[in-house]
Protein backbone atom coordinates (compact mmCIF):
# COMPACT_ATOMS: atom_id res chain seq x y z
CA UNK A 1 -11.71 -89.87 60.81
CA UNK A 2 -14.20 -91.55 63.22
CA UNK A 3 -16.85 -93.92 62.27
CA UNK A 4 -20.45 -92.71 62.21
CA UNK A 5 -23.04 -93.93 64.74
CA UNK A 6 -26.26 -95.29 63.48
CA UNK A 7 -29.23 -93.05 63.96
CA UNK A 8 -31.52 -96.11 64.38
CA UNK A 9 -29.66 -98.53 66.63
CA UNK A 10 -26.51 -96.63 67.81
CA UNK A 11 -24.02 -99.06 66.60
CA UNK A 12 -20.83 -98.08 64.62
CA UNK A 13 -21.40 -98.01 60.85
CA UNK A 14 -19.00 -99.69 58.45
CA UNK A 15 -17.48 -97.77 55.57
CA UNK A 16 -18.10 -99.22 52.10
CA UNK A 17 -16.73 -96.30 50.02
CA UNK A 18 -15.29 -92.92 51.15
CA UNK A 19 -18.48 -90.89 51.95
CA UNK A 20 -20.68 -93.97 52.12
CA UNK A 21 -21.29 -96.04 55.41
CA UNK A 22 -23.67 -98.75 56.25
CA UNK A 23 -25.19 -100.35 59.41
CA UNK A 24 -26.50 -103.97 59.61
CA UNK A 25 -29.93 -102.70 60.63
CA UNK A 26 -30.59 -101.27 57.22
CA UNK A 27 -29.65 -97.69 57.61
CA UNK A 28 -26.99 -96.01 55.39
CA UNK A 29 -25.26 -92.65 55.54
CA UNK A 30 -24.03 -90.87 52.39
CA UNK A 31 -22.02 -87.65 52.48
CA UNK A 32 -24.36 -85.55 50.38
CA UNK A 33 -27.70 -86.96 51.40
CA UNK A 34 -27.30 -87.95 55.07
CA UNK A 35 -29.08 -90.92 56.66
CA UNK A 36 -31.47 -93.06 54.75
CA UNK A 37 -32.98 -96.55 54.67
CA UNK A 38 -31.79 -98.90 52.09
CA UNK A 39 -34.21 -100.96 49.88
CA UNK A 40 -33.66 -104.09 47.96
CA UNK A 41 -33.46 -102.41 44.53
CA UNK A 42 -30.61 -100.12 45.57
CA UNK A 43 -27.06 -100.74 43.98
CA UNK A 44 -24.06 -98.71 45.31
CA UNK A 45 -21.34 -97.91 42.80
CA UNK A 46 -18.38 -95.62 42.29
CA UNK A 47 -18.70 -93.29 39.40
CA UNK A 48 -15.82 -91.16 38.00
CA UNK A 49 -16.34 -87.49 37.85
CA UNK A 50 -14.18 -84.47 37.17
CA UNK A 51 -14.19 -82.13 39.97
CA UNK A 52 -12.06 -79.00 39.84
CA UNK A 53 -9.97 -80.46 37.00
CA UNK A 54 -9.28 -83.72 38.80
CA UNK A 55 -10.86 -86.99 38.09
CA UNK A 56 -12.41 -88.43 41.32
CA UNK A 57 -14.48 -91.47 42.18
CA UNK A 58 -17.65 -90.55 44.00
CA UNK A 59 -20.29 -93.01 45.38
CA UNK A 60 -23.70 -93.06 43.57
CA UNK A 61 -26.89 -94.94 44.14
CA UNK A 62 -28.45 -96.73 41.19
CA UNK A 63 -31.64 -98.64 41.11
CA UNK A 64 -32.39 -102.00 39.51
CA UNK A 65 -35.13 -102.15 36.93
CA UNK A 66 -37.60 -105.09 37.00
CA UNK A 67 -37.64 -105.71 33.28
């Protein structure tokens, strides 16, 4: 599996989780959503889901609340 190239700066992206890669310029790539820009309130986590009868961990994006 090859590393993704950043759509913004062209550098190689680093993998945080399977299906989620980040670049130091602030762009991320997620398997189901594609390229997007990170914001300060984003939190990346693994969530357990049952897919076709198997328990798998998939990356999700959660947002911090300011309360």
